């Protein structure tokens, strides 16, 4: 299991708006960890990284335990990833939503379209079985 990290900071992004994407494979499941802010400033980076991995992988778990903030564009990037998986018989499961992210998922009713687990291990097991 090798952790690969990709840090994002563009000229418009302030220090407190940074996002880091790390990924590793766990028994055939690609785990993507998002740390920081998934927002309009960096949502395209998530889409691009996802598509890069999607070229060879169809089962994903997104670990959101360190995602500090999520805006509507960031949520749109997550929906893009889910839609891509759905269209090509893949799996995308979310794990470890922070309180702030849960609030956004509840307000937007996005919890209705995603499979969400409280623990990463549970989400990986579900992705393996799905």
N, C-alpha and C. Protein backbone atom coordinates (compact mmCIF):
# COMPACT_ATOMS: atom_id res chain seq x y z
N UNK A 1 0.86 -1.16 0.00
CA UNK A 1 0.00 0.00 0.00
C UNK A 1 0.91 1.23 0.00
N UNK A 2 0.91 1.96 -1.09
CA UNK A 2 1.77 3.13 -1.22
C UNK A 2 0.89 4.37 -1.32
N UNK A 3 1.13 5.33 -0.44
CA UNK A 3 0.34 6.56 -0.40
C UNK A 3 0.96 7.57 -1.35
N UNK A 4 0.15 8.10 -2.25
CA UNK A 4 0.59 9.13 -3.18
C UNK A 4 -0.16 10.41 -2.84
N UNK A 5 0.56 11.51 -2.69
CA UNK A 5 -0.07 12.77 -2.29
C UNK A 5 0.11 13.80 -3.39
N UNK A 6 -0.97 14.55 -3.61
CA UNK A 6 -0.96 15.62 -4.59
C UNK A 6 -1.49 16.87 -3.90
N UNK A 7 -0.65 17.90 -3.77
CA UNK A 7 -1.06 19.13 -3.09
C UNK A 7 -1.49 20.17 -4.12
N UNK A 8 -2.53 20.90 -3.79
CA UNK A 8 -3.07 21.90 -4.69
C UNK A 8 -3.03 23.27 -4.03
N UNK A 9 -2.42 24.20 -4.71
CA UNK A 9 -2.48 25.59 -4.27
C UNK A 9 -2.22 26.43 -5.51
N UNK A 10 -3.22 27.18 -5.93
CA UNK A 10 -3.00 28.03 -7.09
C UNK A 10 -2.87 29.48 -6.64
N UNK A 11 -2.59 30.37 -7.57
CA UNK A 11 -2.33 31.75 -7.21
C UNK A 11 -3.55 32.43 -6.57
N UNK A 12 -4.75 31.95 -6.85
CA UNK A 12 -5.95 32.55 -6.28
C UNK A 12 -6.30 31.95 -4.92
N UNK A 13 -5.67 30.82 -4.61
CA UNK A 13 -6.02 30.10 -3.40
C UNK A 13 -5.18 30.58 -2.23
N UNK A 14 -5.84 31.01 -1.19
CA UNK A 14 -5.14 31.41 0.01
C UNK A 14 -4.71 30.17 0.77
N UNK A 15 -3.79 30.36 1.72
CA UNK A 15 -3.28 29.24 2.51
C UNK A 15 -4.40 28.42 3.13
N UNK A 16 -5.45 29.07 3.63
CA UNK A 16 -6.52 28.33 4.29
C UNK A 16 -7.51 27.69 3.32
N UNK A 17 -7.27 27.80 2.03
CA UNK A 17 -8.14 27.19 1.02
C UNK A 17 -7.45 26.03 0.31
N UNK A 18 -6.36 25.53 0.87
CA UNK A 18 -5.60 24.45 0.25
C UNK A 18 -6.36 23.13 0.28
N UNK A 19 -6.00 22.30 -0.68
CA UNK A 19 -6.55 20.96 -0.72
C UNK A 19 -5.40 20.01 -1.03
N UNK A 20 -5.39 18.87 -0.37
CA UNK A 20 -4.45 17.81 -0.68
C UNK A 20 -5.25 16.57 -1.03
N UNK A 21 -4.84 15.90 -2.08
CA UNK A 21 -5.45 14.64 -2.48
C UNK A 21 -4.39 13.56 -2.38
N UNK A 22 -4.68 12.55 -1.60
CA UNK A 22 -3.80 11.39 -1.48
C UNK A 22 -4.58 10.17 -1.94
N UNK A 23 -3.88 9.20 -2.48
CA UNK A 23 -4.57 7.98 -2.87
C UNK A 23 -3.68 6.77 -2.65
N UNK A 24 -4.33 5.65 -2.39
CA UNK A 24 -3.64 4.38 -2.27
C UNK A 24 -4.64 3.28 -2.62
N UNK A 25 -4.09 2.13 -2.97
CA UNK A 25 -4.96 0.99 -3.29
C UNK A 25 -5.00 0.04 -2.10
N UNK A 26 -6.20 -0.43 -1.79
CA UNK A 26 -6.39 -1.38 -0.71
C UNK A 26 -7.15 -2.57 -1.27
N UNK A 27 -6.44 -3.62 -1.60
CA UNK A 27 -7.05 -4.86 -2.08
C UNK A 27 -8.04 -4.62 -3.23
N UNK A 28 -7.60 -3.87 -4.23
CA UNK A 28 -8.43 -3.64 -5.41
C UNK A 28 -9.34 -2.43 -5.34
N UNK A 29 -9.34 -1.73 -4.22
CA UNK A 29 -10.17 -0.53 -4.05
C UNK A 29 -9.24 0.68 -4.00
N UNK A 30 -9.52 1.66 -4.82
CA UNK A 30 -8.73 2.90 -4.80
C UNK A 30 -9.32 3.83 -3.75
N UNK A 31 -8.52 4.17 -2.77
CA UNK A 31 -8.96 5.06 -1.70
C UNK A 31 -8.37 6.45 -1.98
N UNK A 32 -9.24 7.43 -2.06
CA UNK A 32 -8.84 8.82 -2.29
C UNK A 32 -9.15 9.59 -1.03
N UNK A 33 -8.12 10.20 -0.45
CA UNK A 33 -8.28 11.01 0.75
C UNK A 33 -8.22 12.48 0.35
N UNK A 34 -9.22 13.23 0.76
CA UNK A 34 -9.28 14.66 0.47
C UNK A 34 -9.08 15.41 1.78
N UNK A 35 -8.07 16.25 1.81
CA UNK A 35 -7.76 17.02 3.00
C UNK A 35 -7.85 18.51 2.67
N UNK A 36 -8.52 19.27 3.51
CA UNK A 36 -8.62 20.71 3.31
C UNK A 36 -9.95 21.11 2.71
N UNK A 37 -9.88 21.99 1.72
CA UNK A 37 -11.07 22.62 1.17
C UNK A 37 -11.33 22.15 -0.26
N UNK A 38 -12.47 21.50 -0.44
CA UNK A 38 -12.92 21.12 -1.79
C UNK A 38 -13.90 22.20 -2.23
N UNK A 39 -13.40 23.10 -3.06
CA UNK A 39 -14.18 24.29 -3.41
C UNK A 39 -13.98 24.64 -4.88
N UNK A 40 -14.61 25.72 -5.29
CA UNK A 40 -14.54 26.15 -6.69
C UNK A 40 -13.11 26.35 -7.16
N UNK A 41 -12.24 26.75 -6.25
CA UNK A 41 -10.84 27.02 -6.62
C UNK A 41 -10.07 25.76 -7.00
N UNK A 42 -10.50 24.60 -6.52
CA UNK A 42 -9.71 23.41 -6.77
C UNK A 42 -10.52 22.16 -7.14
N UNK A 43 -11.79 22.30 -7.40
CA UNK A 43 -12.64 21.15 -7.74
C UNK A 43 -12.17 20.48 -9.03
N UNK A 44 -11.68 21.26 -9.97
CA UNK A 44 -11.22 20.69 -11.24
C UNK A 44 -10.03 19.76 -11.03
N UNK A 45 -9.23 20.03 -10.03
CA UNK A 45 -8.09 19.17 -9.73
C UNK A 45 -8.58 17.79 -9.29
N UNK A 46 -9.63 17.75 -8.47
CA UNK A 46 -10.20 16.47 -8.07
C UNK A 46 -10.74 15.73 -9.29
N UNK A 47 -11.47 16.41 -10.14
CA UNK A 47 -12.00 15.77 -11.35
C UNK A 47 -10.87 15.17 -12.18
N UNK A 48 -9.81 15.94 -12.39
CA UNK A 48 -8.69 15.47 -13.20
C UNK A 48 -7.99 14.27 -12.58
N UNK A 49 -7.74 14.35 -11.28
CA UNK A 49 -7.09 13.24 -10.58
C UNK A 49 -7.97 11.98 -10.63
N UNK A 50 -9.26 12.18 -10.43
CA UNK A 50 -10.19 11.06 -10.50
C UNK A 50 -10.16 10.41 -11.88
N UNK A 51 -10.22 11.21 -12.94
CA UNK A 51 -10.22 10.66 -14.30
C UNK A 51 -8.92 9.92 -14.60
N UNK A 52 -7.82 10.42 -14.08
CA UNK A 52 -6.53 9.74 -14.24
C UNK A 52 -6.59 8.34 -13.62
N UNK A 53 -7.13 8.24 -12.41
CA UNK A 53 -7.25 6.96 -11.74
C UNK A 53 -8.34 6.08 -12.37
N UNK A 54 -9.39 6.72 -12.86
CA UNK A 54 -10.54 6.01 -13.44
C UNK A 54 -10.14 5.27 -14.72
N UNK A 55 -9.06 5.68 -15.33
CA UNK A 55 -8.60 5.01 -16.55
C UNK A 55 -8.25 3.54 -16.28
N UNK A 56 -7.88 3.22 -15.04
CA UNK A 56 -7.48 1.84 -14.72
C UNK A 56 -8.24 1.24 -13.53
N UNK A 57 -9.10 2.00 -12.92
CA UNK A 57 -9.77 1.55 -11.69
C UNK A 57 -11.26 1.88 -11.77
N UNK A 58 -12.10 1.03 -11.18
CA UNK A 58 -13.55 1.29 -11.19
C UNK A 58 -14.18 1.27 -9.80
N UNK A 59 -13.41 0.94 -8.78
CA UNK A 59 -13.95 0.89 -7.42
C UNK A 59 -13.21 1.90 -6.55
N UNK A 60 -13.98 2.85 -6.00
CA UNK A 60 -13.40 3.95 -5.24
C UNK A 60 -14.08 4.14 -3.89
N UNK A 61 -13.27 4.54 -2.93
CA UNK A 61 -13.77 5.05 -1.66
C UNK A 61 -13.10 6.39 -1.45
N UNK A 62 -13.90 7.40 -1.16
CA UNK A 62 -13.38 8.74 -0.85
C UNK A 62 -13.42 8.90 0.67
N UNK A 63 -12.25 9.06 1.26
CA UNK A 63 -12.14 9.30 2.70
C UNK A 63 -12.16 10.81 2.91
N UNK A 64 -13.22 11.30 3.53
CA UNK A 64 -13.40 12.74 3.71
C UNK A 64 -13.17 13.19 5.15
N UNK A 65 -12.47 12.39 5.92
CA UNK A 65 -12.27 12.68 7.35
C UNK A 65 -11.51 13.97 7.61
N UNK A 66 -10.70 14.40 6.65
CA UNK A 66 -9.93 15.63 6.83
C UNK A 66 -10.36 16.75 5.88
N UNK A 67 -11.53 16.58 5.27
CA UNK A 67 -12.06 17.63 4.41
C UNK A 67 -12.70 18.70 5.29
N UNK A 68 -12.12 19.86 5.32
CA UNK A 68 -12.56 20.92 6.22
C UNK A 68 -13.75 21.71 5.70
N UNK A 69 -13.86 21.82 4.39
CA UNK A 69 -14.93 22.63 3.83
C UNK A 69 -15.34 22.08 2.46
N UNK A 70 -16.58 22.28 2.13
CA UNK A 70 -17.14 21.83 0.86
C UNK A 70 -18.13 22.87 0.38
N UNK A 71 -17.94 23.37 -0.84
CA UNK A 71 -18.93 24.29 -1.40
C UNK A 71 -19.69 23.59 -2.53
N UNK A 72 -20.57 24.32 -3.18
CA UNK A 72 -21.42 23.70 -4.20
C UNK A 72 -20.62 23.18 -5.39
N UNK A 73 -19.55 23.84 -5.75
CA UNK A 73 -18.72 23.37 -6.86
C UNK A 73 -17.97 22.11 -6.45
N UNK A 74 -17.52 22.06 -5.20
CA UNK A 74 -16.88 20.86 -4.70
C UNK A 74 -17.84 19.69 -4.67
N UNK A 75 -19.07 19.94 -4.23
CA UNK A 75 -20.09 18.90 -4.25
C UNK A 75 -20.34 18.44 -5.68
N UNK A 76 -20.36 19.39 -6.60
CA UNK A 76 -20.52 19.04 -8.02
C UNK A 76 -19.40 18.13 -8.52
N UNK A 77 -18.18 18.34 -8.04
CA UNK A 77 -17.06 17.47 -8.43
C UNK A 77 -17.28 16.05 -7.90
N UNK A 78 -17.79 15.93 -6.67
CA UNK A 78 -18.10 14.61 -6.13
C UNK A 78 -19.20 13.93 -6.93
N UNK A 79 -20.21 14.69 -7.32
CA UNK A 79 -21.30 14.13 -8.14
C UNK A 79 -20.76 13.69 -9.51
N UNK A 80 -19.85 14.47 -10.08
CA UNK A 80 -19.22 14.10 -11.35
C UNK A 80 -18.54 12.73 -11.22
N UNK A 81 -17.79 12.55 -10.14
CA UNK A 81 -17.09 11.27 -9.92
C UNK A 81 -18.09 10.13 -9.77
N UNK A 82 -19.15 10.36 -9.01
CA UNK A 82 -20.19 9.35 -8.83
C UNK A 82 -20.85 9.00 -10.16
N UNK A 83 -21.19 10.01 -10.94
CA UNK A 83 -21.85 9.80 -12.23
C UNK A 83 -20.95 8.99 -13.17
N UNK A 84 -19.67 9.31 -13.17
CA UNK A 84 -18.72 8.56 -14.00
C UNK A 84 -18.70 7.09 -13.61
N UNK A 85 -18.66 6.83 -12.31
CA UNK A 85 -18.68 5.45 -11.83
C UNK A 85 -19.97 4.75 -12.21
N UNK A 86 -21.07 5.41 -12.02
CA UNK A 86 -22.37 4.82 -12.30
C UNK A 86 -22.51 4.46 -13.78
N UNK A 87 -22.06 5.34 -14.65
CA UNK A 87 -22.19 5.12 -16.09
C UNK A 87 -21.34 3.96 -16.59
N UNK A 88 -20.26 3.63 -15.87
CA UNK A 88 -19.36 2.58 -16.33
C UNK A 88 -19.27 1.43 -15.33
N UNK A 89 -20.39 1.15 -14.65
CA UNK A 89 -20.50 0.03 -13.72
C UNK A 89 -19.44 0.04 -12.64
N UNK A 90 -19.09 1.21 -12.17
CA UNK A 90 -18.12 1.34 -11.09
C UNK A 90 -18.82 1.55 -9.76
N UNK A 91 -18.02 1.76 -8.75
CA UNK A 91 -18.50 1.97 -7.39
C UNK A 91 -17.80 3.18 -6.80
N UNK A 92 -18.56 4.05 -6.15
CA UNK A 92 -17.97 5.15 -5.40
C UNK A 92 -18.71 5.25 -4.07
N UNK A 93 -17.96 5.14 -3.01
CA UNK A 93 -18.51 5.20 -1.66
C UNK A 93 -17.77 6.29 -0.89
N UNK A 94 -18.51 7.04 -0.09
CA UNK A 94 -17.91 8.07 0.75
C UNK A 94 -17.77 7.56 2.17
N UNK A 95 -16.71 7.98 2.84
CA UNK A 95 -16.48 7.57 4.22
C UNK A 95 -16.04 8.76 5.06
N UNK A 96 -16.40 8.71 6.34
CA UNK A 96 -15.90 9.66 7.33
C UNK A 96 -16.25 11.12 7.03
N UNK A 97 -17.49 11.38 6.70
CA UNK A 97 -17.88 12.77 6.48
C UNK A 97 -17.74 13.58 7.76
N UNK A 98 -17.17 14.75 7.64
CA UNK A 98 -17.09 15.65 8.79
C UNK A 98 -18.47 16.23 9.07
N UNK A 99 -18.62 16.82 10.21
CA UNK A 99 -19.91 17.42 10.58
C UNK A 99 -20.33 18.47 9.56
N UNK A 100 -19.39 19.27 9.13
CA UNK A 100 -19.69 20.33 8.15
C UNK A 100 -20.16 19.73 6.82
N UNK A 101 -19.45 18.70 6.37
CA UNK A 101 -19.84 18.05 5.11
C UNK A 101 -21.21 17.39 5.25
N UNK A 102 -21.47 16.76 6.39
CA UNK A 102 -22.79 16.14 6.62
C UNK A 102 -23.90 17.18 6.51
N UNK A 103 -23.66 18.35 7.06
CA UNK A 103 -24.65 19.42 7.01
C UNK A 103 -24.96 19.78 5.55
N UNK A 104 -23.94 19.90 4.73
CA UNK A 104 -24.15 20.24 3.32
C UNK A 104 -24.87 19.12 2.59
N UNK A 105 -24.51 17.87 2.90
CA UNK A 105 -25.20 16.74 2.28
C UNK A 105 -26.66 16.69 2.69
N UNK A 106 -26.96 17.07 3.92
CA UNK A 106 -28.35 17.08 4.38
C UNK A 106 -29.14 18.23 3.74
N UNK A 107 -28.56 19.41 3.72
CA UNK A 107 -29.25 20.57 3.14
C UNK A 107 -29.56 20.34 1.66
N UNK A 108 -28.60 19.78 0.93
CA UNK A 108 -28.77 19.58 -0.51
C UNK A 108 -29.45 18.25 -0.85
N UNK A 109 -29.64 17.41 0.17
CA UNK A 109 -30.20 16.07 -0.01
C UNK A 109 -29.28 15.16 -0.83
N UNK A 110 -28.00 15.51 -0.93
CA UNK A 110 -27.03 14.71 -1.68
C UNK A 110 -26.83 13.33 -1.06
N UNK A 111 -27.14 13.19 0.22
CA UNK A 111 -27.00 11.88 0.88
C UNK A 111 -27.88 10.83 0.20
N UNK A 112 -28.89 11.26 -0.56
CA UNK A 112 -29.79 10.33 -1.23
C UNK A 112 -29.13 9.59 -2.40
N UNK A 113 -28.09 10.19 -2.98
CA UNK A 113 -27.47 9.58 -4.16
C UNK A 113 -26.14 8.89 -3.87
N UNK A 114 -25.55 9.15 -2.72
CA UNK A 114 -24.26 8.56 -2.36
C UNK A 114 -24.45 7.46 -1.32
N UNK A 115 -23.59 6.45 -1.39
CA UNK A 115 -23.46 5.49 -0.30
C UNK A 115 -22.44 6.10 0.67
N UNK A 116 -22.82 6.27 1.92
CA UNK A 116 -21.97 6.94 2.91
C UNK A 116 -21.80 6.03 4.12
N UNK A 117 -20.55 5.85 4.53
CA UNK A 117 -20.22 5.04 5.70
C UNK A 117 -19.46 5.89 6.71
N UNK A 118 -19.64 5.55 7.97
CA UNK A 118 -18.96 6.29 9.04
C UNK A 118 -17.50 5.90 9.19
N UNK A 119 -17.15 4.69 8.79
CA UNK A 119 -15.78 4.19 8.95
C UNK A 119 -15.18 3.80 7.61
N UNK A 120 -13.91 4.09 7.44
CA UNK A 120 -13.22 3.77 6.19
C UNK A 120 -13.21 2.26 5.92
N UNK A 121 -12.94 1.47 6.94
CA UNK A 121 -12.90 0.01 6.75
C UNK A 121 -14.24 -0.53 6.27
N UNK A 122 -15.33 0.00 6.82
CA UNK A 122 -16.67 -0.43 6.38
C UNK A 122 -16.90 -0.07 4.92
N UNK A 123 -16.46 1.12 4.53
CA UNK A 123 -16.66 1.58 3.16
C UNK A 123 -15.84 0.74 2.18
N UNK A 124 -14.62 0.40 2.56
CA UNK A 124 -13.77 -0.45 1.70
C UNK A 124 -14.40 -1.83 1.55
N UNK A 125 -14.88 -2.37 2.63
CA UNK A 125 -15.54 -3.69 2.57
C UNK A 125 -16.76 -3.65 1.66
N UNK A 126 -17.57 -2.59 1.78
CA UNK A 126 -18.77 -2.45 0.94
C UNK A 126 -18.38 -2.30 -0.53
N UNK A 127 -17.33 -1.55 -0.81
CA UNK A 127 -16.88 -1.37 -2.21
C UNK A 127 -16.38 -2.70 -2.78
N UNK A 128 -15.71 -3.47 -1.96
CA UNK A 128 -15.20 -4.77 -2.40
C UNK A 128 -16.36 -5.71 -2.74
N UNK A 129 -17.41 -5.65 -1.93
CA UNK A 129 -18.57 -6.52 -2.14
C UNK A 129 -19.48 -6.02 -3.26
N UNK A 130 -19.41 -4.71 -3.55
CA UNK A 130 -20.29 -4.12 -4.55
C UNK A 130 -19.72 -4.17 -5.86
